[in-house]
């Protein structure tokens, strides 16, 4: 049941990305381009997503178990640290260069564009490097 729910959530997320146009790197770069012709549509999608998530997030914060019985694991950290800021900067720079982030990249994998495959492979290599560095750095 959990796998089916994960699949449904992923399909719903991917459809939302496709319908909103957020899989189009030109649209994303248009939002990030404050010096040129700015496209505010990504900001509107973000506001809509935040609005849609407010009630479920408030509800889940008061629960100990999910609807499927798994323990709720909400983030505990409440401070800004070097790792969070550094990771955010790396993510933002990559997003600005490529015009795409991990969600839309996964949604576009079957589009047949070699650039998306290259992006996903580079993303997976970055994740593997992070995991390796974490194992190396932890006692």
Protein backbone atom coordinates (compact mmCIF):
# COMPACT_ATOMS: atom_id res chain seq x y z
CA UNK A 1 0.00 0.00 0.00
CA UNK A 2 2.86 2.39 0.82
CA UNK A 3 4.43 1.82 -2.58
CA UNK A 4 1.12 2.50 -4.32
CA UNK A 5 0.64 5.71 -2.33
CA UNK A 6 4.20 6.81 -3.15
CA UNK A 7 3.55 6.13 -6.84
CA UNK A 8 0.27 8.11 -6.74
CA UNK A 9 1.96 11.02 -4.97
CA UNK A 10 4.81 11.01 -7.50
CA UNK A 11 2.43 10.90 -10.47
CA UNK A 12 0.34 13.73 -8.98
CA UNK A 13 3.49 15.80 -8.37
CA UNK A 14 4.76 15.15 -11.89
CA UNK A 15 1.41 16.06 -13.43
CA UNK A 16 1.37 19.28 -11.42
CA UNK A 17 4.82 20.14 -12.71
CA UNK A 18 3.81 19.40 -16.28
CA UNK A 19 0.50 21.30 -16.13
CA UNK A 20 2.08 24.36 -14.50
CA UNK A 21 4.87 24.47 -17.10
CA UNK A 22 7.58 24.13 -14.46
CA UNK A 23 9.34 21.43 -16.49
CA UNK A 24 10.21 24.08 -19.08
CA UNK A 25 13.70 25.46 -18.27
CA UNK A 26 12.95 28.65 -20.24
CA UNK A 27 9.99 29.39 -17.94
CA UNK A 28 12.12 28.83 -14.83
CA UNK A 29 14.95 30.98 -16.17
CA UNK A 30 12.36 33.65 -17.04
CA UNK A 31 11.38 33.72 -13.36
CA UNK A 32 15.00 33.89 -12.21
CA UNK A 33 15.88 36.64 -14.72
CA UNK A 34 15.14 39.78 -12.72
CA UNK A 35 17.15 42.00 -15.09
CA UNK A 36 15.28 41.01 -18.27
CA UNK A 37 11.72 40.06 -19.15
CA UNK A 38 10.57 38.63 -15.83
CA UNK A 39 7.97 35.80 -15.76
CA UNK A 40 6.19 35.72 -12.36
CA UNK A 41 4.30 32.47 -13.06
CA UNK A 42 6.72 30.28 -11.05
CA UNK A 43 6.14 32.52 -8.03
CA UNK A 44 2.39 32.03 -8.43
CA UNK A 45 2.86 28.25 -8.60
CA UNK A 46 4.98 28.41 -5.41
CA UNK A 47 2.34 30.48 -3.58
CA UNK A 48 -0.35 28.01 -4.68
CA UNK A 49 1.75 25.05 -3.50
CA UNK A 50 2.38 26.68 -0.12
CA UNK A 51 -1.34 27.41 0.25
CA UNK A 52 -2.28 23.84 -0.64
CA UNK A 53 0.27 22.43 1.84
CA UNK A 54 -0.60 24.61 4.85
CA UNK A 55 -3.50 22.57 6.23
CA UNK A 56 -1.92 19.11 5.72
CA UNK A 57 1.36 20.29 7.28
CA UNK A 58 -0.43 21.75 10.31
CA UNK A 59 -2.36 18.51 10.70
CA UNK A 60 0.73 16.31 10.34
CA UNK A 61 2.65 18.32 12.94
CA UNK A 62 0.14 17.16 15.57
CA UNK A 63 0.20 13.48 14.56
CA UNK A 64 2.48 10.70 15.75
CA UNK A 65 1.59 8.33 12.89
CA UNK A 66 0.76 8.80 9.21
CA UNK A 67 -2.54 7.70 7.69
CA UNK A 68 -0.84 4.44 6.66
CA UNK A 69 0.54 3.84 10.18
CA UNK A 70 4.17 4.89 9.69
CA UNK A 71 5.78 7.07 12.35
CA UNK A 72 5.76 10.78 11.52
CA UNK A 73 9.28 12.14 11.04
CA UNK A 74 9.11 15.90 10.94
CA UNK A 75 12.35 17.92 10.73
CA UNK A 76 13.75 18.77 14.14
CA UNK A 77 16.40 21.34 13.20
CA UNK A 78 15.27 24.94 13.56
CA UNK A 79 18.56 26.80 13.05
CA UNK A 80 20.43 28.02 10.01
CA UNK A 81 23.90 26.53 9.80
CA UNK A 82 26.76 26.47 7.31
CA UNK A 83 25.62 23.22 5.73
CA UNK A 84 22.07 24.44 5.11
CA UNK A 85 23.19 27.75 3.65
CA UNK A 86 25.92 26.12 1.55
CA UNK A 87 23.57 23.45 0.22
CA UNK A 88 20.97 26.09 -0.61
CA UNK A 89 23.54 28.13 -2.51
CA UNK A 90 24.76 25.13 -4.51
CA UNK A 91 21.17 24.13 -5.30
CA UNK A 92 20.24 27.68 -6.33
CA UNK A 93 23.31 28.15 -8.51
CA UNK A 94 22.67 24.83 -10.26
CA UNK A 95 19.01 25.70 -10.71
CA UNK A 96 19.94 29.07 -12.20
CA UNK A 97 22.46 27.55 -14.60
CA UNK A 98 20.35 24.63 -15.79
CA UNK A 99 16.88 26.10 -15.35
CA UNK A 100 15.71 22.80 -13.91
CA UNK A 101 15.64 21.16 -10.51
CA UNK A 102 15.35 17.52 -9.42
CA UNK A 103 11.53 17.19 -9.51
CA UNK A 104 11.06 18.38 -13.09
CA UNK A 105 14.16 16.47 -14.18
CA UNK A 106 12.64 13.19 -12.98
CA UNK A 107 9.31 14.13 -14.59
CA UNK A 108 11.14 14.74 -17.90
CA UNK A 109 13.29 11.60 -17.89
CA UNK A 110 11.15 9.87 -20.50
CA UNK A 111 11.07 12.90 -22.79
CA UNK A 112 14.04 11.60 -24.77
CA UNK A 113 16.23 14.67 -24.27
CA UNK A 114 19.82 13.64 -23.59
CA UNK A 115 20.38 16.82 -21.57
CA UNK A 116 17.85 15.66 -18.95
CA UNK A 117 19.56 12.27 -18.69
CA UNK A 118 22.91 14.05 -18.24
CA UNK A 119 21.39 16.29 -15.56
CA UNK A 120 19.93 13.32 -13.65
CA UNK A 121 23.22 11.40 -13.88
CA UNK A 122 25.12 14.44 -12.57
CA UNK A 123 22.54 14.82 -9.79
CA UNK A 124 22.96 11.17 -8.81
CA UNK A 125 26.75 11.55 -8.86
CA UNK A 126 26.42 14.56 -6.55
CA UNK A 127 24.23 12.55 -4.17
CA UNK A 128 26.74 9.70 -4.18
CA UNK A 129 29.59 12.15 -3.47
CA UNK A 130 27.61 13.63 -0.58
CA UNK A 131 26.92 10.19 0.89
CA UNK A 132 30.59 9.24 0.54
CA UNK A 133 31.75 12.46 2.20
CA UNK A 134 29.22 11.99 5.02
CA UNK A 135 30.47 8.44 5.69
CA UNK A 136 34.09 9.60 5.54
CA UNK A 137 33.51 12.57 7.88
CA UNK A 138 31.42 10.77 10.49
CA UNK A 139 33.25 8.89 13.24
